[in-house]
Amino acid sequence: MSDTSNSSNKPANRAKTISEALPFMQRYDGQTVVVKYGGHAMGDAELGQAFARDIVLLKQAGVKPIVVHGGGPQIKSMLERLGIESEFKGGLRVTDAHTVEVVEMVLAGSINKSIVSNINAEGGRAIGLCGKDGNMVQAEKLTRTIRDPDSKIEEIVDLGFVGDPKKVDRSVLDIVAKDALIPVIAPVAPGADGATYNINADTFAGAVAGAVDSKRLLFLTDVPGVLDKDGKLIKALTIKQAHDLIADGTISGGMIPKVETCIDALNKGVEGVVILDGKVPHAVLLELFTEGGAGTLITH
């Protein structure tokens, strides 16, 4: 009796779920959503398949997803396997000529093609790209200034082949979108000097999202989002509120550059940026297609 009752309820429950999600699906119909995929979720095969399935569902729902991925742990593992020691200056990894070759091999090679394969296996049509393809992204060399805590002397640190996105040409992505393909982009790009530069995936995703007038930029991380001083998730912030929370110490540590990247993307033209936990199954769908969302939304 109970089995019959449960089975009769399933279509109604499913219909209710679809009807609840429909207004949110319509909101994103035909809109571009950039998803920065990284963190520990990338190293979990089951979560990787679920992520690919969600990206395909976005495409089927009329959204235009663009995936930008990182790969720090995988790069570190490959460098160790090859016996290449990393040099650090002021706590920052220096990317020399040998290292950048490995970075490109791992990011634009194994990681990129793995994500593409997962999406295609779930019924999507993904294509792997990097900033070099069609001169999509032009990089400029990045330097950092560090201050010695004792002497207070500032030093400009040369990080080697580490870059920032200087210019994004969206024409390649527009062509891909017309062919109903899902771009999966590795954050490496050429500089004006012809060298290859490794770019922080968050920064790269923000630049791409701004160039394509993305409605949403989603940062999949290892944390639920921005937390208040009691450790509770803050569901929404304006740029001003975010600056205030940085100033009073509520936003601290590694979350500061993440939020600053969000603000930079908003200033580049993105409508809203979300920080959410990529380890939560279907986090992307929950954020876009439910009223409560799944992370911290930052807007103007």
C-alpha atoms as a PDB file:
ATOM      1  CA  MET A   1       0.000   0.000   0.000  1.00  0.00           C
ATOM      2  CA  SER A   2       2.745   2.389   0.939  1.00  0.00           C
ATOM      3  CA  ASP A   3       4.676   1.520  -2.225  1.00  0.00           C
ATOM      4  CA  THR A   4       1.669   2.374  -4.370  1.00  0.00           C
ATOM      5  CA  SER A   5       1.184   5.609  -2.503  1.00  0.00           C
ATOM      6  CA  ASN A   6       4.823   6.623  -2.925  1.00  0.00           C
ATOM      7  CA  SER A   7       4.849   5.829  -6.617  1.00  0.00           C
ATOM      8  CA  SER A   8       1.675   7.846  -7.183  1.00  0.00           C
ATOM      9  CA  ASN A   9       3.236  10.832  -5.442  1.00  0.00           C
ATOM     10  CA  LYS A  10       6.420  10.846  -7.496  1.00  0.00           C
ATOM     11  CA  PRO A  11       4.994  12.420 -10.690  1.00  0.00           C
ATOM     12  CA  ALA A  12       3.291  15.141  -8.646  1.00  0.00           C
ATOM     13  CA  ASN A  13       6.467  15.864  -6.705  1.00  0.00           C
ATOM     14  CA  ARG A  14       8.470  15.907  -9.881  1.00  0.00           C
ATOM     15  CA  ALA A  15       6.001  18.254 -11.546  1.00  0.00           C
ATOM     16  CA  LYS A  16       6.102  20.539  -8.524  1.00  0.00           C
ATOM     17  CA  THR A  17       9.898  20.620  -8.668  1.00  0.00           C
ATOM     18  CA  ILE A  18       9.852  21.486 -12.362  1.00  0.00           C
ATOM     19  CA  SER A  19       7.206  24.195 -11.896  1.00  0.00           C
ATOM     20  CA  GLU A  20       9.228  25.741  -9.068  1.00  0.00           C
ATOM     21  CA  ALA A  21      12.385  25.747 -11.148  1.00  0.00           C
ATOM     22  CA  LEU A  22      10.738  27.072 -14.331  1.00  0.00           C
ATOM     23  CA  PRO A  23      10.865  30.818 -13.485  1.00  0.00           C
ATOM     24  CA  PHE A  24      14.565  30.529 -12.696  1.00  0.00           C
ATOM     25  CA  MET A  25      15.222  28.536 -15.871  1.00  0.00           C
ATOM     26  CA  GLN A  26      13.457  31.224 -17.903  1.00  0.00           C
ATOM     27  CA  ARG A  27      15.591  33.887 -16.220  1.00  0.00           C
ATOM     28  CA  TYR A  28      18.719  32.289 -17.675  1.00  0.00           C
ATOM     29  CA  ASP A  29      17.297  31.249 -21.049  1.00  0.00           C
ATOM     30  CA  GLY A  30      19.772  32.298 -23.723  1.00  0.00           C
ATOM     31  CA  GLN A  31      22.109  33.813 -21.132  1.00  0.00           C
ATOM     32  CA  THR A  32      25.809  33.059 -20.734  1.00  0.00           C
ATOM     33  CA  VAL A  33      26.984  31.582 -17.436  1.00  0.00           C
ATOM     34  CA  VAL A  34      30.699  31.137 -16.776  1.00  0.00           C
ATOM     35  CA  VAL A  35      31.632  28.418 -14.292  1.00  0.00           C
ATOM     36  CA  LYS A  36      35.092  28.324 -12.767  1.00  0.00           C
ATOM     37  CA  TYR A  37      35.683  24.672 -11.905  1.00  0.00           C
ATOM     38  CA  GLY A  38      38.392  23.867  -9.382  1.00  0.00           C
ATOM     39  CA  GLY A  39      39.171  22.798  -5.854  1.00  0.00           C
ATOM     40  CA  HIS A  40      38.910  19.283  -4.473  1.00  0.00           C
ATOM     41  CA  ALA A  41      35.770  18.608  -6.535  1.00  0.00           C
ATOM     42  CA  MET A  42      38.041  18.248  -9.574  1.00  0.00           C
ATOM     43  CA  GLY A  43      39.877  15.329  -7.989  1.00  0.00           C
ATOM     44  CA  ASP A  44      36.722  13.329  -7.234  1.00  0.00           C
ATOM     45  CA  ALA A  45      35.587  11.161 -10.159  1.00  0.00           C
ATOM     46  CA  GLU A  46      31.986  10.926  -8.984  1.00  0.00           C
ATOM     47  CA  LEU A  47      31.687  14.675  -8.427  1.00  0.00           C
ATOM     48  CA  GLY A  48      33.358  15.228 -11.801  1.00  0.00           C
ATOM     49  CA  GLN A  49      30.705  13.168 -13.561  1.00  0.00           C
ATOM     50  CA  ALA A  50      27.925  14.958 -11.656  1.00  0.00           C
ATOM     51  CA  PHE A  51      29.424  18.323 -12.635  1.00  0.00           C
ATOM     52  CA  ALA A  52      29.542  17.296 -16.296  1.00  0.00           C
ATOM     53  CA  ARG A  53      25.917  16.147 -16.111  1.00  0.00           C
ATOM     54  CA  ASP A  54      24.886  19.498 -14.637  1.00  0.00           C
ATOM     55  CA  ILE A  55      26.685  21.442 -17.366  1.00  0.00           C
ATOM     56  CA  VAL A  56      24.863  19.380 -20.005  1.00  0.00           C
ATOM     57  CA  LEU A  57      21.551  20.061 -18.252  1.00  0.00           C
ATOM     58  CA  LEU A  58      22.304  23.794 -18.297  1.00  0.00           C
ATOM     59  CA  LYS A  59      22.850  23.609 -22.035  1.00  0.00           C
ATOM     60  CA  GLN A  60      19.629  21.652 -22.532  1.00  0.00           C
ATOM     61  CA  ALA A  61      17.757  24.249 -20.453  1.00  0.00           C
ATOM     62  CA  GLY A  62      18.776  27.015 -22.860  1.00  0.00           C
ATOM     63  CA  VAL A  63      21.744  28.365 -20.874  1.00  0.00           C
ATOM     64  CA  LYS A  64      25.085  29.008 -22.587  1.00  0.00           C
ATOM     65  CA  PRO A  65      27.680  27.572 -20.164  1.00  0.00           C
ATOM     66  CA  ILE A  66      31.397  28.284 -20.419  1.00  0.00           C
ATOM     67  CA  VAL A  67      33.715  26.270 -18.179  1.00  0.00           C
ATOM     68  CA  VAL A  68      37.072  27.643 -17.021  1.00  0.00           C
ATOM     69  CA  HIS A  69      39.137  25.234 -14.943  1.00  0.00           C
ATOM     70  CA  GLY A  70      42.160  25.271 -12.694  1.00  0.00           C
ATOM     71  CA  GLY A  71      44.484  22.439 -11.741  1.00  0.00           C
ATOM     72  CA  GLY A  72      46.918  23.460  -9.014  1.00  0.00           C
ATOM     73  CA  PRO A  73      47.067  20.076  -7.210  1.00  0.00           C
ATOM     74  CA  GLN A  74      47.508  18.199 -10.490  1.00  0.00           C
ATOM     75  CA  ILE A  75      50.329  20.528 -11.557  1.00  0.00           C
ATOM     76  CA  LYS A  76      52.039  20.084  -8.205  1.00  0.00           C
ATOM     77  CA  SER A  77      51.772  16.296  -8.503  1.00  0.00           C
ATOM     78  CA  MET A  78      53.220  16.261 -12.030  1.00  0.00           C
ATOM     79  CA  LEU A  79      56.126  18.539 -11.064  1.00  0.00           C
ATOM     80  CA  GLU A  80      56.971  16.168  -8.224  1.00  0.00           C
ATOM     81  CA  ARG A  81      56.790  13.136 -10.529  1.00  0.00           C
ATOM     82  CA  LEU A  82      59.152  14.834 -12.978  1.00  0.00           C
ATOM     83  CA  GLY A  83      61.539  15.868 -10.199  1.00  0.00           C
ATOM     84  CA  ILE A  84      61.127  19.575 -10.893  1.00  0.00           C
ATOM     85  CA  GLU A  85      61.560  21.586  -7.707  1.00  0.00           C
ATOM     86  CA  SER A  86      59.451  24.672  -7.258  1.00  0.00           C
ATOM     87  CA  GLU A  87      61.013  27.958  -6.215  1.00  0.00           C
ATOM     88  CA  PHE A  88      59.068  30.309  -3.995  1.00  0.00           C
ATOM     89  CA  LYS A  89      59.572  34.031  -3.466  1.00  0.00           C
ATOM     90  CA  GLY A  90      57.581  35.742  -0.775  1.00  0.00           C
ATOM     91  CA  GLY A  91      55.380  32.667  -0.548  1.00  0.00           C
ATOM     92  CA  LEU A  92      54.589  32.776  -4.280  1.00  0.00           C
ATOM     93  CA  ARG A  93      55.514  30.014  -6.737  1.00  0.00           C
ATOM     94  CA  VAL A  94      57.914  31.069  -9.472  1.00  0.00           C
ATOM     95  CA  THR A  95      57.022  29.592 -12.865  1.00  0.00           C
ATOM     96  CA  ASP A  96      60.224  29.127 -14.865  1.00  0.00           C
ATOM     97  CA  ALA A  97      60.527  27.845 -18.441  1.00  0.00           C
ATOM     98  CA  HIS A  98      60.472  24.156 -17.435  1.00  0.00           C
ATOM     99  CA  THR A  99      57.543  24.651 -15.085  1.00  0.00           C
ATOM    100  CA  VAL A 100      55.380  26.506 -17.591  1.00  0.00           C
ATOM    101  CA  GLU A 101      55.795  23.611 -20.036  1.00  0.00           C
ATOM    102  CA  VAL A 102      54.407  21.257 -17.409  1.00  0.00           C
ATOM    103  CA  VAL A 103      51.633  23.709 -16.550  1.00  0.00           C
ATOM    104  CA  GLU A 104      50.507  23.879 -20.171  1.00  0.00           C
ATOM    105  CA  MET A 105      50.751  20.109 -20.589  1.00  0.00           C
ATOM    106  CA  VAL A 106      48.612  19.453 -17.510  1.00  0.00           C
ATOM    107  CA  LEU A 107      46.074  22.281 -17.869  1.00  0.00           C
ATOM    108  CA  ALA A 108      45.531  22.363 -21.633  1.00  0.00           C
ATOM    109  CA  GLY A 109      46.180  18.620 -21.947  1.00  0.00           C
ATOM    110  CA  SER A 110      45.137  16.020 -19.430  1.00  0.00           C
ATOM    111  CA  ILE A 111      42.791  18.084 -17.234  1.00  0.00           C
ATOM    112  CA  ASN A 112      41.092  19.896 -20.088  1.00  0.00           C
ATOM    113  CA  LYS A 113      40.484  16.755 -22.114  1.00  0.00           C
ATOM    114  CA  SER A 114      39.226  14.867 -19.075  1.00  0.00           C
ATOM    115  CA  ILE A 115      36.538  17.507 -18.448  1.00  0.00           C
ATOM    116  CA  VAL A 116      35.647  17.561 -22.145  1.00  0.00           C
ATOM    117  CA  SER A 117      35.342  13.764 -22.172  1.00  0.00           C
ATOM    118  CA  ASN A 118      33.102  13.782 -19.088  1.00  0.00           C
ATOM    119  CA  ILE A 119      30.746  16.346 -20.621  1.00  0.00           C
ATOM    120  CA  ASN A 120      30.606  14.471 -23.921  1.00  0.00           C
ATOM    121  CA  ALA A 121      29.956  11.187 -22.105  1.00  0.00           C
ATOM    122  CA  GLU A 122      26.877  12.793 -20.530  1.00  0.00           C
ATOM    123  CA  GLY A 123      25.463  13.750 -23.923  1.00  0.00           C
ATOM    124  CA  GLY A 124      26.990  17.199 -24.338  1.00  0.00           C
ATOM    125  CA  ARG A 125      29.199  18.566 -27.110  1.00  0.00           C
ATOM    126  CA  ALA A 126      32.200  20.119 -25.410  1.00  0.00           C
ATOM    127  CA  ILE A 127      35.330  21.497 -27.003  1.00  0.00           C
ATOM    128  CA  GLY A 128      38.637  22.037 -25.220  1.00  0.00           C
ATOM    129  CA  LEU A 129      40.341  25.405 -25.604  1.00  0.00           C
ATOM    130  CA  CYS A 130      42.977  27.574 -23.973  1.00  0.00           C
ATOM    131  CA  GLY A 131      43.802  31.244 -24.225  1.00  0.00           C
ATOM    132  CA  LYS A 132      46.110  30.541 -27.164  1.00  0.00           C
ATOM    133  CA  ASP A 133      43.349  29.279 -29.435  1.00  0.00           C
ATOM    134  CA  GLY A 134      42.383  31.975 -31.914  1.00  0.00           C
ATOM    135  CA  ASN A 135      44.389  34.429 -29.795  1.00  0.00           C
ATOM    136  CA  MET A 136      41.390  34.405 -27.464  1.00  0.00           C
ATOM    137  CA  VAL A 137      43.305  35.800 -24.492  1.00  0.00           C
ATOM    138  CA  GLN A 138      46.447  37.905 -24.497  1.00  0.00           C
ATOM    139  CA  ALA A 139      48.473  37.845 -21.303  1.00  0.00           C
ATOM    140  CA  GLU A 140      50.855  40.299 -19.716  1.00  0.00           C
ATOM    141  CA  LYS A 141      53.620  39.405 -17.314  1.00  0.00           C
ATOM    142  CA  LEU A 142      52.595  39.613 -13.667  1.00  0.00           C
ATOM    143  CA  THR A 143      54.839  40.871 -10.886  1.00  0.00           C
ATOM    144  CA  ARG A 144      54.168  41.149  -7.193  1.00  0.00           C
ATOM    145  CA  THR A 145      55.500  43.541  -4.589  1.00  0.00           C
ATOM    146  CA  ILE A 146      56.222  42.037  -1.179  1.00  0.00           C
ATOM    147  CA  ARG A 147      57.265  43.753   2.044  1.00  0.00           C
ATOM    148  CA  ASP A 148      59.723  42.300   4.515  1.00  0.00           C
ATOM    149  CA  PRO A 149      57.907  42.317   7.886  1.00  0.00           C
ATOM    150  CA  ASP A 150      61.104  43.153   9.757  1.00  0.00           C
ATOM    151  CA  SER A 151      62.894  45.681   7.576  1.00  0.00           C
ATOM    152  CA  LYS A 152      59.662  47.029   5.969  1.00  0.00           C
ATOM    153  CA  ILE A 153      61.582  47.105   2.690  1.00  0.00           C
ATOM    154  CA  GLU A 154      59.457  46.432  -0.400  1.00  0.00           C
ATOM    155  CA  GLU A 155      60.754  44.178  -3.165  1.00  0.00           C
ATOM    156  CA  ILE A 156      59.351  43.554  -6.638  1.00  0.00           C
ATOM    157  CA  VAL A 157      59.244  39.794  -7.169  1.00  0.00           C
ATOM    158  CA  ASP A 158      59.697  38.308 -10.635  1.00  0.00           C
ATOM    159  CA  LEU A 159      57.372  35.286 -10.820  1.00  0.00           C
ATOM    160  CA  GLY A 160      58.603  34.150 -14.217  1.00  0.00           C
ATOM    161  CA  PHE A 161      55.933  33.022 -16.660  1.00  0.00           C
ATOM    162  CA  VAL A 162      52.954  34.017 -14.540  1.00  0.00           C
ATOM    163  CA  GLY A 163      50.561  36.405 -16.234  1.00  0.00           C
ATOM    164  CA  ASP A 164      47.359  38.388 -16.043  1.00  0.00           C
ATOM    165  CA  PRO A 165      44.747  38.521 -18.813  1.00  0.00           C
ATOM    166  CA  LYS A 166      45.315  41.799 -20.659  1.00  0.00           C
ATOM    167  CA  LYS A 167      42.786  41.379 -23.466  1.00  0.00           C
ATOM    168  CA  VAL A 168      40.014  38.889 -24.290  1.00  0.00           C
ATOM    169  CA  ASP A 169      38.732  38.452 -27.851  1.00  0.00           C
ATOM    170  CA  ARG A 170      35.264  36.912 -27.593  1.00  0.00           C
ATOM    171  CA  SER A 171      34.921  36.092 -31.301  1.00  0.00           C
ATOM    172  CA  VAL A 172      36.082  32.478 -30.881  1.00  0.00           C
ATOM    173  CA  LEU A 173      33.579  31.920 -28.072  1.00  0.00           C
ATOM    174  CA  ASP A 174      30.801  33.490 -30.163  1.00  0.00           C
ATOM    175  CA  ILE A 175      31.540  31.052 -32.997  1.00  0.00           C
ATOM    176  CA  VAL A 176      31.549  28.125 -30.592  1.00  0.00           C
ATOM    177  CA  ALA A 177      28.232  29.238 -29.087  1.00  0.00           C
ATOM    178  CA  LYS A 178      26.602  29.375 -32.531  1.00  0.00           C
ATOM    179  CA  ASP A 179      27.586  25.748 -33.081  1.00  0.00           C
ATOM    180  CA  ALA A 180      25.891  24.769 -29.780  1.00  0.00           C
ATOM    181  CA  LEU A 181      29.222  23.655 -28.326  1.00  0.00           C
ATOM    182  CA  ILE A 182      30.285  23.954 -24.689  1.00  0.00           C
ATOM    183  CA  PRO A 183      33.710  25.623 -24.365  1.00  0.00           C
ATOM    184  CA  VAL A 184      36.050  24.256 -21.690  1.00  0.00           C
ATOM    185  CA  ILE A 185      38.978  26.642 -21.286  1.00  0.00           C
ATOM    186  CA  ALA A 186      42.406  26.174 -19.686  1.00  0.00           C
ATOM    187  CA  PRO A 187      43.943  29.354 -18.211  1.00  0.00           C
ATOM    188  CA  VAL A 188      47.147  29.582 -20.233  1.00  0.00           C
ATOM    189  CA  ALA A 189      47.688  32.330 -22.787  1.00  0.00           C
ATOM    190  CA  PRO A 190      50.395  33.925 -24.941  1.00  0.00           C
ATOM    191  CA  GLY A 191      52.042  37.245 -24.191  1.00  0.00           C
ATOM    192  CA  ALA A 192      53.042  39.931 -26.664  1.00  0.00           C
ATOM    193  CA  ASP A 193      56.577  38.537 -26.349  1.00  0.00           C
ATOM    194  CA  GLY A 194      55.440  35.164 -27.685  1.00  0.00           C
ATOM    195  CA  ALA A 195      55.925  33.391 -24.353  1.00  0.00           C
ATOM    196  CA  THR A 196      53.316  31.203 -22.684  1.00  0.00           C
ATOM    197  CA  TYR A 197      51.931  32.452 -19.382  1.00  0.00           C
ATOM    198  CA  ASN A 198      50.127  30.629 -16.609  1.00  0.00           C
ATOM    199  CA  ILE A 199      47.163  32.672 -15.369  1.00  0.00           C
ATOM    200  CA  ASN A 200      45.270  32.265 -12.121  1.00  0.00           C
ATOM    201  CA  ALA A 201      42.048  30.435 -13.058  1.00  0.00           C
ATOM    202  CA  ASP A 202      39.824  32.756 -11.002  1.00  0.00           C
ATOM    203  CA  THR A 203      41.280  35.841 -12.685  1.00  0.00           C
ATOM    204  CA  PHE A 204      41.048  34.185 -16.100  1.00  0.00           C
ATOM    205  CA  ALA A 205      37.400  33.251 -15.542  1.00  0.00           C
ATOM    206  CA  GLY A 206      36.566  36.802 -14.453  1.00  0.00           C
ATOM    207  CA  ALA A 207      38.142  38.268 -17.583  1.00  0.00           C
ATOM    208  CA  VAL A 208      36.292  35.831 -19.851  1.00  0.00           C
ATOM    209  CA  ALA A 209      32.983  36.424 -18.052  1.00  0.00           C
ATOM    210  CA  GLY A 210      33.357  40.184 -18.445  1.00  0.00           C
ATOM    211  CA  ALA A 211      34.194  39.903 -22.129  1.00  0.00           C
ATOM    212  CA  VAL A 212      31.106  37.809 -22.942  1.00  0.00           C
ATOM    213  CA  ASP A 213      28.705  39.855 -20.763  1.00  0.00           C
ATOM    214  CA  SER A 214      27.999  36.851 -18.559  1.00  0.00           C
ATOM    215  CA  LYS A 215      24.816  36.987 -16.469  1.00  0.00           C
ATOM    216  CA  ARG A 216      26.471  34.898 -13.775  1.00  0.00           C
ATOM    217  CA  LEU A 217      30.014  33.873 -12.890  1.00  0.00           C
ATOM    218  CA  LEU A 218      30.127  30.908 -10.531  1.00  0.00           C
ATOM    219  CA  PHE A 219      33.266  30.116  -8.526  1.00  0.00           C
ATOM    220  CA  LEU A 220      33.193  26.490  -7.379  1.00  0.00           C
ATOM    221  CA  THR A 221      35.427  26.347  -4.308  1.00  0.00           C
ATOM    222  CA  ASP A 222      36.008  24.189  -1.232  1.00  0.00           C
ATOM    223  CA  VAL A 223      33.899  26.400   1.065  1.00  0.00           C
ATOM    224  CA  PRO A 224      30.143  27.190   1.177  1.00  0.00           C
ATOM    225  CA  GLY A 225      30.722  30.854   0.357  1.00  0.00           C
ATOM    226  CA  VAL A 226      31.414  33.984   2.410  1.00  0.00           C
ATOM    227  CA  LEU A 227      30.807  33.363   6.113  1.00  0.00           C
ATOM    228  CA  ASP A 228      29.974  35.833   8.854  1.00  0.00           C
ATOM    229  CA  LYS A 229      31.854  35.997  12.163  1.00  0.00           C
ATOM    230  CA  ASP A 230      29.641  33.214  13.551  1.00  0.00           C
ATOM    231  CA  GLY A 231      30.530  30.944  10.654  1.00  0.00           C
ATOM    232  CA  LYS A 232      27.123  31.255   8.987  1.00  0.00           C
ATOM    233  CA  LEU A 233      26.735  31.645   5.235  1.00  0.00           C
ATOM    234  CA  ILE A 234      26.049  35.158   3.955  1.00  0.00           C
ATOM    235  CA  LYS A 235      23.593  34.661   1.084  1.00  0.00           C
ATOM    236  CA  ALA A 236      24.046  38.004  -0.661  1.00  0.00           C
ATOM    237  CA  LEU A 237      26.420  40.966  -0.642  1.00  0.00           C
ATOM    238  CA  THR A 238      26.859  44.209  -2.507  1.00  0.00           C
ATOM    239  CA  ILE A 239      30.309  45.442  -3.477  1.00  0.00           C
ATOM    240  CA  LYS A 240      30.183  48.021  -0.689  1.00  0.00           C
ATOM    241  CA  GLN A 241      29.192  45.416   1.902  1.00  0.00           C
ATOM    242  CA  ALA A 242      32.009  43.162   0.722  1.00  0.00           C
ATOM    243  CA  HIS A 243      34.551  45.977   1.140  1.00  0.00           C
ATOM    244  CA  ASP A 244      33.183  46.672   4.636  1.00  0.00           C
ATOM    245  CA  LEU A 245      33.543  43.002   5.634  1.00  0.00           C
ATOM    246  CA  ILE A 246      37.138  42.977   4.414  1.00  0.00           C
ATOM    247  CA  ALA A 247      37.840  46.131   6.397  1.00  0.00           C
ATOM    248  CA  ASP A 248      36.407  44.757   9.652  1.00  0.00           C
ATOM    249  CA  GLY A 249      38.144  41.382   9.286  1.00  0.00           C
ATOM    250  CA  THR A 250      35.051  39.252   8.662  1.00  0.00           C
ATOM    251  CA  ILE A 251      36.423  38.387   5.223  1.00  0.00           C
ATOM    252  CA  SER A 252      40.024  37.355   5.755  1.00  0.00           C
ATOM    253  CA  GLY A 253      42.841  35.128   4.530  1.00  0.00           C
ATOM    254  CA  GLY A 254      42.382  33.404   1.182  1.00  0.00           C
ATOM    255  CA  MET A 255      38.805  34.639   0.861  1.00  0.00           C
ATOM    256  CA  ILE A 256      40.024  38.225   0.364  1.00  0.00           C
ATOM    257  CA  PRO A 257      41.567  37.679  -3.105  1.00  0.00           C
ATOM    258  CA  LYS A 258      38.572  35.520  -4.064  1.00  0.00           C
ATOM    259  CA  VAL A 259      36.114  38.323  -3.210  1.00  0.00           C
ATOM    260  CA  GLU A 260      38.353  40.924  -4.846  1.00  0.00           C
ATOM    261  CA  THR A 261      38.289  38.825  -8.017  1.00  0.00           C
ATOM    262  CA  CYS A 262      34.483  38.769  -7.802  1.00  0.00           C
ATOM    263  CA  ILE A 263      34.401  42.563  -7.519  1.00  0.00           C
ATOM    264  CA  ASP A 264      36.772  42.922 -10.461  1.00  0.00           C
ATOM    265  CA  ALA A 265      34.502  40.699 -12.585  1.00  0.00           C
ATOM    266  CA  LEU A 266      31.477  42.828 -11.649  1.00  0.00           C
ATOM    267  CA  ASN A 267      33.360  45.946 -12.682  1.00  0.00           C
ATOM    268  CA  LYS A 268      34.091  44.258 -16.020  1.00  0.00           C
ATOM    269  CA  GLY A 269      30.372  43.884 -16.702  1.00  0.00           C
ATOM    270  CA  VAL A 270      29.280  40.600 -15.099  1.00  0.00           C
ATOM    271  CA  GLU A 271      25.783  40.931 -13.589  1.00  0.00           C
ATOM    272  CA  GLY A 272      26.367  38.714 -10.547  1.00  0.00           C
ATOM    273  CA  VAL A 273      29.147  36.543  -9.117  1.00  0.00           C
ATOM    274  CA  VAL A 274      28.618  33.587  -6.805  1.00  0.00           C
ATOM    275  CA  ILE A 275      31.049  31.778  -4.501  1.00  0.00           C
ATOM    276  CA  LEU A 276      29.784  28.284  -3.692  1.00  0.00           C
ATOM    277  CA  ASP A 277      30.949  24.849  -2.580  1.00  0.00           C
ATOM    278  CA  GLY A 278      31.829  22.636  -5.531  1.00  0.00           C
ATOM    279  CA  LYS A 279      31.783  19.539  -3.319  1.00  0.00           C
ATOM    280  CA  VAL A 280      28.002  19.855  -2.901  1.00  0.00           C
ATOM    281  CA  PRO A 281      26.290  17.669  -5.518  1.00  0.00           C
ATOM    282  CA  HIS A 282      24.498  19.742  -8.196  1.00  0.00           C
ATOM    283  CA  ALA A 283      25.672  23.011  -6.625  1.00  0.00           C
ATOM    284  CA  VAL A 284      25.475  24.780  -9.997  1.00  0.00           C
ATOM    285  CA  LEU A 285      21.842  23.776 -10.556  1.00  0.00           C
ATOM    286  CA  LEU A 286      20.888  24.592  -6.976  1.00  0.00           C
ATOM    287  CA  GLU A 287      22.374  28.074  -7.314  1.00  0.00           C
ATOM    288  CA  LEU A 288      20.753  28.930 -10.632  1.00  0.00           C
ATOM    289  CA  PHE A 289      17.419  27.136 -10.461  1.00  0.00           C
ATOM    290  CA  THR A 290      16.282  27.398  -6.826  1.00  0.00           C
ATOM    291  CA  GLU A 291      15.055  30.390  -4.878  1.00  0.00           C
ATOM    292  CA  GLY A 292      17.528  30.025  -2.019  1.00  0.00           C
ATOM    293  CA  GLY A 293      20.599  29.467  -4.179  1.00  0.00           C
ATOM    294  CA  ALA A 294      23.610  27.592  -2.901  1.00  0.00           C
ATOM    295  CA  GLY A 295      26.315  30.137  -2.107  1.00  0.00           C
ATOM    296  CA  THR A 296      27.099  33.830  -1.687  1.00  0.00           C
ATOM    297  CA  LEU A 297      25.862  36.120  -4.470  1.00  0.00           C
ATOM    298  CA  ILE A 298      27.819  39.353  -4.903  1.00  0.00           C
ATOM    299  CA  THR A 299      26.284  42.135  -7.004  1.00  0.00           C
ATOM    300  CA  HIS A 300      26.600  45.882  -7.470  1.00  0.00           C
END
